[in-house]
Amino acid sequence: MANLYDLLGVSKGASDSEIKKAYHKMAKTLHPDVNPDTKAQEKFKSVSKAYEILSDKSKRARYDAGEIDDNGNPTPFGAGAYDRGGAGFGGFGGGRTYRQGNTTYTNINPEDLAAMFGGMGGARGFDFADLFGMGSRGPRTRAYPQAQDVQYDLNIPFNLSITGGETTVSLDNKQIKMRVPAGVDEGGILRLRGQGHNGGDALIKVHIQSSNIFKREGNNLIVKVPITLKEAILGTTVTIPLPSGAVAVKVPPYTDAEKTLRLKGKGVGGKGDCMVHFNIVLPHKNNKELSNFAENWLDPTGNPRSF
C-alpha cells in the first residue's frame, strides 16, 4: 500500500521545500477548479491529506514514528505500520504486528488475551474483553464529530481577481494563506481542504472590489482613457496602469472618440485583451484663444452628421 511519501512522489527523507514543491505541482493538475474528473478529485483529496500531515513537523514526526495513520488518526497502542494476519503472540490468531523503532510489537485480540490468562473474568471480577471495550454487549464504538464544511467571505482587490495571486483569509481565529486563481468571478467559491470543522472543508466565497479604471467583460478588460484635444490632434503617449503592470500606449494623431486600441494578451490572466477607448476632454472653462481658433477655422471635414 502506498504511504504518504509515495502519494506525493517524494522520499521519506525529503525536505519541507521538496514536499511543498511536489504538492503544488500535483495540485495544479488535480485541483477541482481545473480538473473536474472524479478520479482526479479523489486523488487531490489524498495528496492534500498527505501534504497536510507531512508539512506539519509534529504530525510528520508522529507519522514517521507510526503513531498516526495515513488519515492522521491515532493508531492502536500509538503505533502505525503493522502487518495484518498470521499467528499472534503465543500461537493465538488474529494478532497484528507493528514496528516502532528497532522493536517489533504484537497486538493481541482482547478475547485471546483473556483466554491466555485463563479467562480472568466472572468470579474473579475482571474481564479483559471489557478492558478493551468488548464484552457480552459486543464491541463498543467511539462517536467522532462529523466533518462539516464551513463558508467564509473574502474581499479581494479588482487587480488580484484579474492576475491571481496569494492572499490571506481569516478562518475563525486563524489566518490562512491561500492562492486566488486568475479570473475568479464575483461570488465564486474557493475550497480549502480540511480547514472546516472537524476535518471538513472551508468554502471561501469571493467578493471583488470595484475598479474606477477598468471594467471586465469575460476575459477582456475595458478602459476609457481621457486625452486633450491637442493630444487627439497631434498624437501622444499615455501610460495605462494595467493590473499586470503599467504599459505605455501610443495615441496616433487625429484620434477621435470612436478610436479603439486592442492590447493583445493584457486581459484576464493573460488570456483576453485590453480594449482602450479614448475620451477627448475639452477645457472646462471658456478659452478665448481656442474659441477664436475654432470660429475662424475652415474645418475640412464639413458636416460629420449623416442624419
Protein backbone atom coordinates (compact mmCIF):
# COMPACT_ATOMS: atom_id res chain seq x y z
CA MET A 1 0.00 0.00 0.00
CA ALA A 2 1.34 3.43 -0.92
CA ASN A 3 2.30 5.62 2.02
CA LEU A 4 2.02 9.43 2.17
CA TYR A 5 5.52 9.90 0.74
CA ASP A 6 4.64 7.68 -2.23
CA LEU A 7 1.44 9.69 -2.84
CA LEU A 8 3.48 12.88 -3.19
CA GLY A 9 6.25 11.13 -5.11
CA VAL A 10 8.99 12.04 -2.63
CA SER A 11 11.38 10.06 -0.47
CA LYS A 12 10.97 9.71 3.29
CA GLY A 13 13.97 11.97 3.79
CA ALA A 14 12.54 14.75 1.58
CA SER A 15 12.94 18.33 2.84
CA ASP A 16 9.99 20.58 3.64
CA SER A 17 10.56 22.55 0.43
CA GLU A 18 10.65 19.36 -1.67
CA ILE A 19 7.35 18.22 -0.15
CA LYS A 20 5.76 21.62 -0.77
CA LYS A 21 7.02 21.72 -4.35
CA ALA A 22 5.73 18.20 -5.07
CA TYR A 23 2.29 19.03 -3.66
CA HIS A 24 1.94 22.29 -5.62
CA LYS A 25 2.96 20.51 -8.84
CA MET A 26 0.25 17.87 -8.37
CA ALA A 27 -2.39 20.38 -7.22
CA LYS A 28 -2.01 22.35 -10.46
CA THR A 29 -3.37 19.40 -12.45
CA LEU A 30 -5.67 17.77 -9.88
CA HIS A 31 -7.47 20.74 -8.29
CA PRO A 32 -11.28 20.59 -8.90
CA ASP A 33 -11.18 24.11 -10.36
CA VAL A 34 -9.03 22.88 -13.25
CA ASN A 35 -9.83 19.15 -13.39
CA PRO A 36 -13.49 18.11 -12.95
CA ASP A 37 -12.68 14.39 -13.33
CA THR A 38 -13.97 12.39 -10.34
CA LYS A 39 -10.83 10.27 -10.06
CA ALA A 40 -8.66 13.39 -10.14
CA GLN A 41 -10.73 14.92 -7.34
CA GLU A 42 -10.34 11.82 -5.21
CA LYS A 43 -6.59 11.81 -5.79
CA PHE A 44 -6.49 15.54 -4.96
CA LYS A 45 -8.13 14.75 -1.60
CA SER A 46 -5.48 12.09 -0.93
CA VAL A 47 -2.47 14.25 -1.83
CA SER A 48 -3.95 17.18 0.12
CA LYS A 49 -4.28 14.98 3.21
CA ALA A 50 -0.72 13.75 2.67
CA TYR A 51 0.56 17.31 2.41
CA GLU A 52 -1.43 18.38 5.47
CA ILE A 53 0.35 15.74 7.58
CA LEU A 54 3.85 15.89 6.06
CA SER A 55 4.00 19.70 6.02
CA ASP A 56 3.32 19.78 9.76
CA LYS A 57 6.56 18.89 11.59
CA SER A 58 4.75 17.50 14.61
CA LYS A 59 2.35 15.36 12.56
CA ARG A 60 5.15 14.19 10.28
CA ALA A 61 7.20 13.05 13.26
CA ARG A 62 4.22 11.14 14.67
CA TYR A 63 3.52 9.59 11.25
CA ASP A 64 7.14 8.51 10.83
CA ALA A 65 7.02 7.01 14.32
CA GLY A 66 3.85 5.10 13.41
CA GLU A 67 1.70 6.95 15.95
CA ILE A 68 -0.85 8.14 13.35
CA ASP A 69 -2.08 6.60 10.12
CA ASP A 70 -2.42 8.00 6.58
CA ASN A 71 -5.54 9.91 7.62
CA GLY A 72 -3.93 11.44 10.70
CA ASN A 73 -5.85 9.19 13.09
CA PRO A 74 -4.10 7.62 16.10
CA THR A 75 -3.03 4.03 15.53
CA PRO A 76 -3.57 1.18 18.05
CA PHE A 77 -1.19 1.49 21.02
CA GLY A 78 0.32 4.58 19.44
CA ALA A 79 1.87 2.58 16.61
CA GLY A 80 1.31 2.74 12.90
CA ALA A 81 2.85 0.40 10.35
CA TYR A 82 1.67 -3.09 11.18
CA ASP A 83 1.16 -6.32 9.36
CA ARG A 84 -2.24 -7.97 9.45
CA GLY A 85 -2.84 -11.69 9.79
CA GLY A 86 -0.58 -14.51 10.84
CA ALA A 87 -0.19 -16.10 14.21
CA GLY A 88 -0.12 -13.77 17.16
CA PHE A 89 1.56 -13.95 20.49
CA GLY A 90 1.79 -17.43 21.98
CA GLY A 91 0.16 -19.01 18.94
CA PHE A 92 -3.11 -17.08 19.22
CA GLY A 93 -4.61 -15.93 15.91
CA GLY A 94 -5.92 -12.53 14.95
CA GLY A 95 -2.87 -10.68 16.27
CA ARG A 96 -1.24 -7.80 14.42
CA THR A 97 2.44 -6.95 14.49
CA TYR A 98 3.86 -3.49 14.11
CA ARG A 99 7.27 -1.91 14.29
CA GLN A 100 8.35 1.06 16.38
CA GLY A 101 12.00 1.97 16.03
CA ASN A 102 14.00 -1.24 16.08
CA THR A 103 11.47 -3.15 18.18
CA THR A 104 8.60 -5.33 16.90
CA TYR A 105 5.39 -5.50 18.94
CA THR A 106 2.27 -7.65 18.63
CA ASN A 107 -1.32 -6.56 19.16
CA ILE A 108 -3.33 -9.33 20.84
CA ASN A 109 -7.02 -9.87 20.27
CA PRO A 110 -8.60 -8.96 23.66
CA GLU A 111 -10.59 -12.19 23.77
CA ASP A 112 -7.42 -14.22 23.11
CA LEU A 113 -5.67 -12.26 25.84
CA ALA A 114 -8.44 -13.20 28.26
CA ALA A 115 -8.04 -16.85 27.27
CA MET A 116 -4.29 -16.65 27.83
CA PHE A 117 -4.91 -15.69 31.45
CA GLY A 118 -7.47 -18.39 31.99
CA GLY A 119 -10.50 -16.22 31.41
CA MET A 120 -9.85 -13.83 34.27
CA GLY A 121 -13.46 -12.74 34.36
CA GLY A 122 -16.64 -13.79 36.02
CA ALA A 123 -15.98 -14.76 39.63
CA ARG A 124 -12.60 -13.08 39.61
CA GLY A 125 -14.32 -9.83 38.72
CA PHE A 126 -12.14 -8.85 35.77
CA ASP A 127 -12.70 -9.30 32.07
CA PHE A 128 -10.02 -8.34 29.56
CA ALA A 129 -12.71 -8.07 26.91
CA ASP A 130 -14.32 -5.27 28.95
CA LEU A 131 -10.94 -3.62 29.30
CA PHE A 132 -10.73 -3.27 25.54
CA GLY A 133 -14.31 -2.17 25.05
CA MET A 134 -15.70 -5.61 24.31
CA GLY A 135 -17.91 -8.00 26.21
CA SER A 136 -21.35 -9.53 26.22
CA ARG A 137 -22.75 -6.33 24.80
CA GLY A 138 -20.48 -6.56 21.78
CA PRO A 139 -17.82 -4.13 20.53
CA ARG A 140 -18.13 -0.57 21.78
CA THR A 141 -17.74 2.18 19.25
CA ARG A 142 -16.47 5.68 19.84
CA ALA A 143 -18.51 8.54 18.37
CA TYR A 144 -16.38 11.01 16.42
CA PRO A 145 -17.63 14.50 15.48
CA GLN A 146 -18.92 14.70 11.92
CA ALA A 147 -16.86 16.72 9.45
CA GLN A 148 -18.60 19.91 8.37
CA ASP A 149 -17.90 22.33 5.53
CA VAL A 150 -17.95 25.99 6.63
CA GLN A 151 -18.41 29.03 4.37
CA TYR A 152 -16.37 32.19 4.80
CA ASP A 153 -16.32 35.51 2.90
CA LEU A 154 -13.22 37.01 1.31
CA ASN A 155 -12.92 40.54 -0.15
CA ILE A 156 -10.17 40.95 -2.74
CA PRO A 157 -8.96 43.89 -4.87
CA PHE A 158 -10.07 44.04 -8.51
CA ASN A 159 -6.50 43.64 -9.77
CA LEU A 160 -5.99 40.41 -7.79
CA SER A 161 -9.09 38.91 -9.41
CA ILE A 162 -7.53 39.61 -12.82
CA THR A 163 -3.94 38.48 -12.24
CA GLY A 164 -4.47 35.91 -9.49
CA GLY A 165 -2.04 35.54 -6.62
CA GLU A 166 -1.65 34.87 -2.92
CA THR A 167 -3.74 36.46 -0.18
CA THR A 168 -4.70 35.78 3.43
CA VAL A 169 -8.14 34.71 4.63
CA SER A 170 -9.42 34.77 8.21
CA LEU A 171 -10.89 31.44 9.33
CA ASP A 172 -12.33 31.92 12.80
CA ASN A 173 -9.26 32.65 14.93
CA LYS A 174 -6.57 31.79 12.41
CA GLN A 175 -5.05 33.39 9.32
CA ILE A 176 -4.53 31.10 6.32
CA LYS A 177 -2.57 31.95 3.19
CA MET A 178 -4.30 30.87 0.00
CA ARG A 179 -3.92 31.34 -3.73
CA VAL A 180 -6.62 33.11 -5.74
CA PRO A 181 -6.82 31.88 -9.37
CA ALA A 182 -6.72 34.48 -12.14
CA GLY A 183 -10.19 35.28 -13.47
CA VAL A 184 -12.14 34.31 -10.36
CA ASP A 185 -15.73 35.57 -10.59
CA GLU A 186 -17.75 37.59 -8.11
CA GLY A 187 -19.41 35.12 -5.75
CA GLY A 188 -17.09 32.30 -6.82
CA ILE A 189 -16.32 29.59 -4.26
CA LEU A 190 -12.76 28.52 -3.48
CA ARG A 191 -12.25 25.36 -1.40
CA LEU A 192 -9.61 24.88 1.28
CA ARG A 193 -9.41 21.18 2.08
CA GLY A 194 -9.52 20.20 5.74
CA GLN A 195 -9.90 23.76 7.04
CA GLY A 196 -13.55 23.48 8.05
CA HIS A 197 -14.97 21.95 11.24
CA ASN A 198 -13.72 18.53 12.32
CA GLY A 199 -11.77 17.98 9.12
CA GLY A 200 -14.40 19.42 6.75
CA ASP A 201 -13.55 21.99 4.09
CA ALA A 202 -13.57 25.78 4.20
CA LEU A 203 -15.64 27.23 1.35
CA ILE A 204 -14.36 30.72 0.54
CA LYS A 205 -16.91 32.99 -1.18
CA VAL A 206 -15.11 35.69 -3.15
CA HIS A 207 -16.26 39.32 -3.28
CA ILE A 208 -14.41 41.57 -5.76
CA GLN A 209 -13.90 45.26 -5.08
CA SER A 210 -14.91 47.53 -7.97
CA SER A 211 -12.36 49.44 -10.07
CA ASN A 212 -12.66 53.09 -11.04
CA ILE A 213 -10.45 52.45 -14.07
CA PHE A 214 -11.36 49.11 -15.59
CA LYS A 215 -14.44 47.15 -16.50
CA ARG A 216 -14.36 43.41 -17.11
CA GLU A 217 -16.21 41.68 -19.96
CA GLY A 218 -15.45 37.96 -19.97
CA ASN A 219 -11.67 37.68 -20.30
CA ASN A 220 -11.34 41.20 -21.72
CA LEU A 221 -10.68 44.44 -19.89
CA ILE A 222 -12.25 47.75 -20.96
CA VAL A 223 -10.62 51.06 -20.09
CA LYS A 224 -11.51 54.63 -21.08
CA VAL A 225 -8.51 56.93 -21.38
CA PRO A 226 -9.10 60.72 -21.34
CA ILE A 227 -6.96 62.80 -23.72
CA THR A 228 -6.90 66.51 -24.53
CA LEU A 229 -7.95 67.98 -27.86
CA LYS A 230 -4.30 68.78 -28.59
CA GLU A 231 -3.26 65.19 -27.86
CA ALA A 232 -6.05 63.89 -30.07
CA ILE A 233 -4.87 66.02 -32.99
CA LEU A 234 -1.10 65.76 -32.65
CA GLY A 235 -0.85 62.34 -31.02
CA THR A 236 0.90 61.43 -27.76
CA THR A 237 1.94 58.56 -25.48
CA VAL A 238 -0.06 57.68 -22.36
CA THR A 239 0.78 55.21 -19.59
CA ILE A 240 -2.04 52.88 -18.54
CA PRO A 241 -1.75 51.16 -15.10
CA LEU A 242 -2.91 47.67 -16.13
CA PRO A 243 -3.37 45.02 -13.37
CA SER A 244 -0.43 43.11 -14.82
CA GLY A 245 1.78 46.23 -14.86
CA ALA A 246 1.92 49.71 -16.40
CA VAL A 247 2.02 49.88 -20.21
CA ALA A 248 2.95 52.85 -22.44
CA VAL A 249 0.46 53.26 -25.31
CA LYS A 250 0.96 55.47 -28.36
CA VAL A 251 -2.04 57.59 -29.32
CA PRO A 252 -1.93 58.19 -33.10
CA PRO A 253 -2.52 61.71 -34.48
CA TYR A 254 -6.13 62.59 -35.28
CA THR A 255 -7.56 60.09 -32.81
CA ASP A 256 -11.27 60.55 -32.21
CA ALA A 257 -13.64 59.18 -29.60
CA GLU A 258 -14.53 56.23 -31.84
CA LYS A 259 -10.93 55.01 -31.92
CA THR A 260 -10.23 51.75 -30.06
CA LEU A 261 -6.84 50.20 -29.46
CA ARG A 262 -6.50 46.50 -28.63
CA LEU A 263 -3.69 45.43 -26.31
CA LYS A 264 -3.21 41.73 -27.02
CA GLY A 265 -2.87 39.38 -24.05
CA LYS A 266 -3.38 42.14 -21.48
CA GLY A 267 -6.76 40.88 -20.26
CA VAL A 268 -7.73 38.43 -17.52
CA GLY A 269 -4.81 36.19 -16.55
CA GLY A 270 -3.10 36.95 -19.86
CA LYS A 271 -5.90 35.21 -21.78
CA GLY A 272 -8.04 38.09 -23.03
CA ASP A 273 -7.22 41.56 -24.38
CA CYS A 274 -7.45 45.08 -23.05
CA MET A 275 -9.66 47.37 -25.16
CA VAL A 276 -8.63 51.03 -24.88
CA HIS A 277 -11.27 53.67 -25.70
CA PHE A 278 -10.30 57.34 -25.88
CA ASN A 279 -12.35 60.17 -24.44
CA ILE A 280 -11.50 63.67 -25.71
CA VAL A 281 -11.72 66.21 -22.91
CA LEU A 282 -12.28 69.91 -23.68
CA PRO A 283 -11.38 72.77 -21.29
CA HIS A 284 -13.95 73.20 -18.52
CA LYS A 285 -13.83 76.99 -18.83
CA ASN A 286 -14.12 79.23 -21.86
CA ASN A 287 -10.80 79.59 -23.64
CA LYS A 288 -10.78 82.74 -25.78
CA GLU A 289 -7.85 81.64 -27.91
CA LEU A 290 -9.42 78.24 -28.62
CA SER A 291 -12.80 79.83 -29.33
CA ASN A 292 -11.26 82.32 -31.82
CA PHE A 293 -9.38 79.49 -33.49
CA ALA A 294 -12.50 77.39 -33.90
CA GLU A 295 -14.53 80.33 -35.17
CA ASN A 296 -12.03 81.18 -37.90
CA TRP A 297 -11.02 77.63 -38.73
CA LEU A 298 -12.17 76.22 -42.05
CA ASP A 299 -12.94 72.68 -40.96
CA PRO A 300 -12.24 70.36 -43.96
CA THR A 301 -14.43 67.57 -42.56
CA GLY A 302 -17.59 69.52 -43.22
CA ASN A 303 -20.74 68.25 -41.56
CA PRO A 304 -19.97 64.89 -39.82
CA ARG A 305 -23.65 64.15 -39.14
CA SER A 306 -25.49 61.90 -41.54
CA PHE A 307 -29.00 62.38 -40.16
